[in-house]
Each structure stands twice: as structure tokens, then as C-alpha cells.
């Protein structure tokens, strides 16, 4: 599946920049110093793989099955950069905790509004691309298994809808507005409306100053910027990733989101062979699902 492969590539590409010395990072990004391989992917891809496995097996987001797959993925490889919250939630799910009760108790009963539900969801949008109403419903179902706050669900909806619209060939200049129209009202939606007013000719760093780029690891601080970057280069995943990473922030997550959205429409044919070779391979079963 092209969206999943783009997500993994973006995740791995973005993650490599965290290991660059701080004193050379801005120069490296501006001058496009290609990081050396290998590029390992993170929890963004691990959780997207779990989601794809459930979609393939059930044809829908079976929330109990998704909770189980998330827990299995964590138990098999907990060193993928999972956040503090997920490092508590996922082992508990593996021990049989009820996902709804567990995630609803997070953050004083408000639930997490982090960007984790958004980072993994682009392939779901591609999966249900022919039915935007279903994209919205399934994205929400996927989000609340780990992130109970409505803003986290709104972030997941935005990314999934963007990926679906990318598959459908929506024009770059129309993407952000079309996404904003499908997102429940709130902070994510408000920043998307702000993003649609930012010209694609603007520097991504200026857009990030307005929208955020994941420094706060929240859906509202991450998703609008990523959707704007995807729209800026909707026909070119490489340019989209370079633009996204330029602002810094939560680079593996913003790049995972952008890679998943753009590749859903373009595939990876324009990605250099060296990048594809550097990116950590996906499990062999993905080829069977994609077929």
C-alpha cells in the first residue's frame, strides 16, 4: 500500500534528523544534506502496521482487535520511540485492560489529545478513499482506542480525509479547505482554517510559526502544519518531506503524516532509490495485504 510505504519513509526520514548535531541542523536542512542510512522507522509506522492488519482482517476498525494489535506491537518491540503515555497504556492493554476505560482516564479524565492517533492513520484514509463519510467514522473509531480527547480524533480525521482526497486527485490548492470542511469543530479545525489562508509559496518555517509543527506533540500543534505541507507538494513526496522537515519540531511524526498523505496519491516512483534502500523495510506480510 503506497500510503503506508510513504508513511514509513517519512517517519524514518524525519527521525534521522534528531541525530544531527544541533549546531549543524539548520544548515543541513537548508542545504539538504541527505542523512546516511539506515533510516529506522518509529512507533508511527509500528502503529500504522497494526491498524492496517486490523483493516485487512476485519474490513473495519474493530476496536478490540486494534487494541490487541497495538499491545502486541509494543510488546514485541517497545524501543520504537513510544511516548510516555503509550508506554503506560499499551502494556496495560496487553494485560487485558479495557481500552475505553483506560484511555478515558488519561490526563485527568480528559483523554490524550496527542498526535499519536493522527500519525498512524493515513493508510486508513487510503483504504476507504471512495467513501469520505466512512473515512471520518473509521478514523474516529481508530483514534479513541488510545486517544480519548476529541482533538486527537479531529487530528486523525484530518489526516485520513487528506489521504483519501489525495487518492481521489483533489487539487493541491483545494486540499486544506476540503479537509477543514470535514473536521469536527475545535482547535484542529480552527488551525486548518488558518492554514488554508497561508500561500504555498511561503516558507514552511513561517507556516510553522503560525500553525505549530509538533513541538507540543498535540494534534492541534501538528496536524494543520502537516496537511499544509502535504498540500504544498501534493505531487512530489520528496519535496514534501524536505519542506516538512525544514521547520523542525516533531519531525518523524510530521513527515510520517505528510508521507502517508502524498504517497497515497502519487506512489513512490519519484523517490530516489537511495532513499528507499536507506529506509527500514516493512514486514513481508505487507506485500500480501497490498496485493
Protein backbone atom coordinates (compact mmCIF):
# COMPACT_ATOMS: atom_id res chain seq x y z
CA UNK A 1 0.00 0.00 0.00
CA UNK A 2 1.51 3.28 -1.17
CA UNK A 3 0.22 5.36 1.74
CA UNK A 4 1.77 3.04 4.32
CA UNK A 5 5.08 2.98 2.46
CA UNK A 6 5.06 6.76 2.24
CA UNK A 7 4.27 7.00 5.95
CA UNK A 8 7.16 4.70 6.83
CA UNK A 9 9.54 6.59 4.56
CA UNK A 10 8.53 9.93 6.06
CA UNK A 11 8.75 8.55 9.58
CA UNK A 12 12.24 7.16 9.00
CA UNK A 13 13.46 10.25 7.13
CA UNK A 14 12.17 12.60 9.80
CA UNK A 15 13.60 10.51 12.61
CA UNK A 16 17.15 10.68 11.22
CA UNK A 17 17.29 14.43 11.80
CA UNK A 18 17.00 14.03 15.55
CA UNK A 19 20.51 12.56 15.48
CA UNK A 20 22.13 15.53 13.72
CA UNK A 21 24.25 17.83 15.92
CA UNK A 22 22.21 20.86 16.94
CA UNK A 23 24.85 23.27 15.71
CA UNK A 24 24.65 21.99 12.12
CA UNK A 25 20.98 21.01 11.91
CA UNK A 26 19.63 24.18 10.31
CA UNK A 27 22.45 24.28 7.76
CA UNK A 28 21.95 20.60 6.98
CA UNK A 29 18.23 21.10 6.38
CA UNK A 30 18.58 24.25 4.29
CA UNK A 31 21.36 22.74 2.17
CA UNK A 32 19.63 19.35 2.06
CA UNK A 33 22.42 17.15 3.35
CA UNK A 34 20.97 13.70 2.84
CA UNK A 35 21.33 11.69 6.05
CA UNK A 36 23.21 8.43 5.90
CA UNK A 37 21.30 5.18 6.11
CA UNK A 38 19.98 3.10 7.58
CA UNK A 39 16.84 5.04 8.47
CA UNK A 40 14.84 3.11 11.08
CA UNK A 41 11.17 3.88 11.49
CA UNK A 42 9.46 4.51 14.81
CA UNK A 43 6.20 3.91 16.67
CA UNK A 44 4.40 5.92 13.97
CA UNK A 45 4.95 3.09 11.50
CA UNK A 46 4.60 0.31 14.07
CA UNK A 47 1.10 1.52 14.97
CA UNK A 48 0.17 2.09 11.32
CA UNK A 49 1.10 -1.53 10.66
CA UNK A 50 -1.20 -2.67 13.47
CA UNK A 51 -4.02 -0.59 12.04
CA UNK A 52 -3.51 -1.99 8.54
CA UNK A 53 -3.51 -5.53 9.90
CA UNK A 54 -6.89 -4.95 11.55
CA UNK A 55 -8.37 -3.37 8.42
CA UNK A 56 -7.19 -6.31 6.36
CA UNK A 57 -8.51 -8.87 8.81
CA UNK A 58 -11.84 -7.25 9.69
CA UNK A 59 -12.66 -4.82 6.89
CA UNK A 60 -13.33 -2.16 9.53
CA UNK A 61 -11.77 -0.75 12.69
CA UNK A 62 -12.56 -3.49 15.18
CA UNK A 63 -11.53 -1.58 18.28
CA UNK A 64 -10.86 -4.58 20.48
CA UNK A 65 -8.70 -6.16 17.80
CA UNK A 66 -6.88 -2.86 17.29
CA UNK A 67 -6.12 -2.53 20.98
CA UNK A 68 -4.74 -6.07 20.92
CA UNK A 69 -2.56 -5.39 17.88
CA UNK A 70 -1.20 -2.18 19.38
CA UNK A 71 -0.30 -4.05 22.56
CA UNK A 72 1.32 -6.88 20.62
CA UNK A 73 3.40 -4.46 18.58
CA UNK A 74 4.60 -2.71 21.71
CA UNK A 75 5.45 -5.95 23.49
CA UNK A 76 7.41 -7.23 20.50
CA UNK A 77 9.46 -4.04 20.14
CA UNK A 78 8.99 -1.41 22.85
CA UNK A 79 12.02 0.62 21.77
CA UNK A 80 10.40 2.34 18.81
CA UNK A 81 10.13 5.73 20.47
CA UNK A 82 6.69 5.38 22.04
CA UNK A 83 5.64 8.36 24.11
CA UNK A 84 5.31 8.30 27.87
CA UNK A 85 1.54 7.92 27.75
CA UNK A 86 1.62 4.98 25.32
CA UNK A 87 4.37 3.32 27.33
CA UNK A 88 1.80 3.11 30.12
CA UNK A 89 -1.33 2.42 28.08
CA UNK A 90 -0.06 -0.28 25.74
CA UNK A 91 1.36 -2.66 28.37
CA UNK A 92 -1.91 -2.33 30.29
CA UNK A 93 -3.85 -3.25 27.15
CA UNK A 94 -1.59 -6.25 26.80
CA UNK A 95 -2.53 -7.26 30.34
CA UNK A 96 -6.21 -7.22 29.40
CA UNK A 97 -7.28 -3.74 30.48
CA UNK A 98 -10.45 -2.35 28.91
CA UNK A 99 -9.26 0.14 26.31
CA UNK A 100 -12.19 2.56 26.71
CA UNK A 101 -11.88 2.79 30.47
CA UNK A 102 -8.10 3.02 30.34
CA UNK A 103 -7.78 5.75 27.74
CA UNK A 104 -10.70 7.69 29.19
CA UNK A 105 -8.81 8.02 32.48
CA UNK A 106 -5.74 9.57 30.85
CA UNK A 107 -4.88 13.17 31.68
CA UNK A 108 -7.37 13.58 34.50
CA UNK A 109 -10.24 12.04 32.59
CA UNK A 110 -9.89 14.27 29.52
CA UNK A 111 -8.01 11.70 27.45
CA UNK A 112 -4.90 12.32 25.41
CA UNK A 113 -5.02 14.94 22.68
CA UNK A 114 -1.58 13.99 21.42
CA UNK A 115 -0.69 13.44 17.77
CA UNK A 116 -0.40 9.66 18.01
CA UNK A 117 -3.83 8.93 16.54
CA UNK A 118 -3.04 11.16 13.55
CA UNK A 119 0.46 9.89 12.85
CA UNK A 120 -0.68 6.36 12.00
CA UNK A 121 -3.98 6.92 10.19
CA UNK A 122 -3.19 7.97 6.61
CA UNK A 123 -3.42 4.38 5.27
CA UNK A 124 -6.94 4.16 6.67
CA UNK A 125 -7.91 7.16 4.58
CA UNK A 126 -6.49 5.49 1.50
CA UNK A 127 -8.25 2.21 2.40
CA UNK A 128 -11.71 3.83 2.47
CA UNK A 129 -10.95 6.58 -0.06
CA UNK A 130 -14.17 6.11 -2.01
CA UNK A 131 -16.41 7.00 0.95
CA UNK A 132 -15.45 10.12 2.90
CA UNK A 133 -18.22 9.67 5.46
CA UNK A 134 -16.80 6.28 6.30
CA UNK A 135 -13.27 7.68 6.37
CA UNK A 136 -14.39 10.12 9.08
CA UNK A 137 -16.21 7.47 11.12
CA UNK A 138 -13.44 4.89 10.91
CA UNK A 139 -10.75 7.46 11.73
CA UNK A 140 -12.60 8.39 14.92
CA UNK A 141 -13.00 4.72 15.84
CA UNK A 142 -9.28 4.19 15.36
CA UNK A 143 -8.30 7.25 17.37
CA UNK A 144 -10.27 6.67 20.55
CA UNK A 145 -8.66 3.30 21.21
CA UNK A 146 -5.63 5.20 22.50
CA UNK A 147 -6.60 8.90 22.45
CA UNK A 148 -9.96 9.75 24.01
CA UNK A 149 -9.81 13.53 23.61
CA UNK A 150 -11.94 14.95 20.75
CA UNK A 151 -9.00 16.99 19.41
CA UNK A 152 -6.96 13.81 18.92
CA UNK A 153 -9.86 12.31 16.99
CA UNK A 154 -10.17 15.51 14.94
CA UNK A 155 -6.49 15.25 14.04
CA UNK A 156 -6.97 11.67 12.92
CA UNK A 157 -9.98 12.68 10.82
CA UNK A 158 -7.99 15.45 9.15
CA UNK A 159 -5.12 13.17 8.15
CA UNK A 160 -7.36 10.33 6.99
CA UNK A 161 -9.51 12.68 4.91
CA UNK A 162 -6.41 14.29 3.40
CA UNK A 163 -5.10 10.87 2.36
CA UNK A 164 -8.46 9.91 0.87
CA UNK A 165 -8.62 13.17 -1.08
CA UNK A 166 -5.05 12.60 -2.27
CA UNK A 167 -6.10 9.23 -3.67
CA UNK A 168 -9.08 10.92 -5.32
CA UNK A 169 -6.93 13.53 -7.06
CA UNK A 170 -8.06 16.65 -5.21
CA UNK A 171 -6.09 19.68 -6.40
CA UNK A 172 -3.31 20.92 -4.14
CA UNK A 173 -4.90 24.34 -3.80
CA UNK A 174 -8.16 22.81 -2.60
CA UNK A 175 -6.85 20.19 -0.19
CA UNK A 176 -6.61 22.12 3.08
CA UNK A 177 -10.06 23.68 2.72
CA UNK A 178 -11.60 20.33 1.77
CA UNK A 179 -10.05 18.73 4.84
CA UNK A 180 -11.17 21.55 7.12
CA UNK A 181 -14.74 21.11 5.93
CA UNK A 182 -14.76 17.50 7.21
CA UNK A 183 -13.12 18.02 10.61
CA UNK A 184 -15.24 18.46 13.77
CA UNK A 185 -15.11 22.00 15.11
CA UNK A 186 -12.36 22.72 17.60
CA UNK A 187 -8.73 23.78 17.69
CA UNK A 188 -7.57 21.41 14.93
CA UNK A 189 -10.30 22.72 12.65
CA UNK A 190 -9.52 26.33 13.56
CA UNK A 191 -5.86 25.92 12.69
CA UNK A 192 -6.75 24.18 9.45
CA UNK A 193 -8.86 27.19 8.52
CA UNK A 194 -5.85 29.35 9.31
CA UNK A 195 -3.65 27.06 7.21
CA UNK A 196 -5.82 27.44 4.13
CA UNK A 197 -5.01 31.16 4.14
CA UNK A 198 -1.23 30.60 4.09
CA UNK A 199 0.10 30.63 0.49
CA UNK A 200 2.04 27.59 -0.64
CA UNK A 201 4.83 29.95 -1.68
CA UNK A 202 5.51 30.80 1.99
CA UNK A 203 8.49 29.32 3.78
CA UNK A 204 7.46 26.27 5.86
CA UNK A 205 9.20 27.82 8.85
CA UNK A 206 6.86 30.80 8.64
CA UNK A 207 3.85 28.49 8.37
CA UNK A 208 5.08 26.57 11.41
CA UNK A 209 5.37 29.80 13.38
CA UNK A 210 1.63 30.26 12.88
CA UNK A 211 0.41 26.67 12.99
CA UNK A 212 2.97 24.84 15.14
CA UNK A 213 4.98 21.86 13.94
CA UNK A 214 4.67 19.36 16.75
CA UNK A 215 6.82 20.88 19.48
CA UNK A 216 3.88 20.39 21.85
CA UNK A 217 3.15 16.91 20.49
CA UNK A 218 -0.56 17.72 20.30
CA UNK A 219 -2.88 17.07 17.39
CA UNK A 220 -3.65 20.78 17.02
CA UNK A 221 0.03 21.70 17.07
CA UNK A 222 0.97 19.04 14.48
CA UNK A 223 -1.75 18.15 12.00
CA UNK A 224 -2.59 21.50 10.37
CA UNK A 225 1.06 22.13 9.54
CA UNK A 226 1.48 18.63 8.13
CA UNK A 227 -1.64 18.92 5.97
CA UNK A 228 -0.41 22.31 4.69
CA UNK A 229 3.00 20.82 3.82
CA UNK A 230 1.34 17.90 2.03
CA UNK A 231 -0.81 20.28 0.00
CA UNK A 232 2.25 22.40 -0.83
CA UNK A 233 3.82 19.47 -2.68
CA UNK A 234 0.92 17.11 -3.29
CA UNK A 235 2.53 15.75 -6.45
CA UNK A 236 6.04 15.16 -5.08
CA UNK A 237 6.75 13.18 -1.89
CA UNK A 238 10.44 14.10 -1.82
CA UNK A 239 9.84 17.84 -2.00
CA UNK A 240 7.03 17.46 0.51
CA UNK A 241 9.33 15.78 3.04
CA UNK A 242 12.12 18.32 2.61
CA UNK A 243 9.62 21.13 3.13
CA UNK A 244 8.12 19.48 6.19
CA UNK A 245 11.36 18.78 8.00
CA UNK A 246 12.69 22.31 7.45
CA UNK A 247 10.70 23.71 10.38
CA UNK A 248 11.96 21.11 12.88
CA UNK A 249 9.57 20.11 15.64
CA UNK A 250 8.22 16.55 15.88
CA UNK A 251 9.87 15.67 12.59
CA UNK A 252 9.25 11.94 12.43
CA UNK A 253 5.53 12.49 13.04
CA UNK A 254 5.02 15.45 10.71
CA UNK A 255 6.95 13.64 7.97
CA UNK A 256 5.05 10.39 8.57
CA UNK A 257 1.77 12.24 8.15
CA UNK A 258 2.95 14.05 5.03
CA UNK A 259 4.47 10.93 3.50
CA UNK A 260 1.28 8.98 4.08
CA UNK A 261 -0.91 11.68 2.54
CA UNK A 262 1.20 12.46 -0.53
CA UNK A 263 2.20 8.89 -1.39
CA UNK A 264 -1.45 7.85 -1.20
CA UNK A 265 -1.92 9.79 -4.43
CA UNK A 266 1.48 9.67 -6.10
CA UNK A 267 3.03 6.39 -5.01
CA UNK A 268 6.79 6.34 -4.50
CA UNK A 269 8.01 6.28 -8.11
CA UNK A 270 9.62 9.72 -7.74
CA UNK A 271 11.52 8.77 -4.59
CA UNK A 272 15.26 8.15 -5.16
CA UNK A 273 16.33 4.53 -4.97
CA UNK A 274 18.88 5.52 -2.34
CA UNK A 275 16.11 6.75 -0.05
CA UNK A 276 14.10 3.59 -0.47
CA UNK A 277 17.18 1.47 0.24
CA UNK A 278 18.02 3.51 3.36
CA UNK A 279 14.51 3.19 4.83
CA UNK A 280 13.96 0.20 7.10
CA UNK A 281 11.92 -2.41 5.20
CA UNK A 282 8.35 -3.14 6.15
CA UNK A 283 7.36 -6.69 7.19
CA UNK A 284 6.88 -9.13 4.33
CA UNK A 285 3.18 -9.56 5.09
CA UNK A 286 2.51 -6.02 3.90
CA UNK A 287 3.13 -7.12 0.33
CA UNK A 288 0.48 -9.79 0.66
CA UNK A 289 -2.04 -7.30 2.06
CA UNK A 290 -1.27 -4.78 -0.67
CA UNK A 291 -1.76 -7.45 -3.32
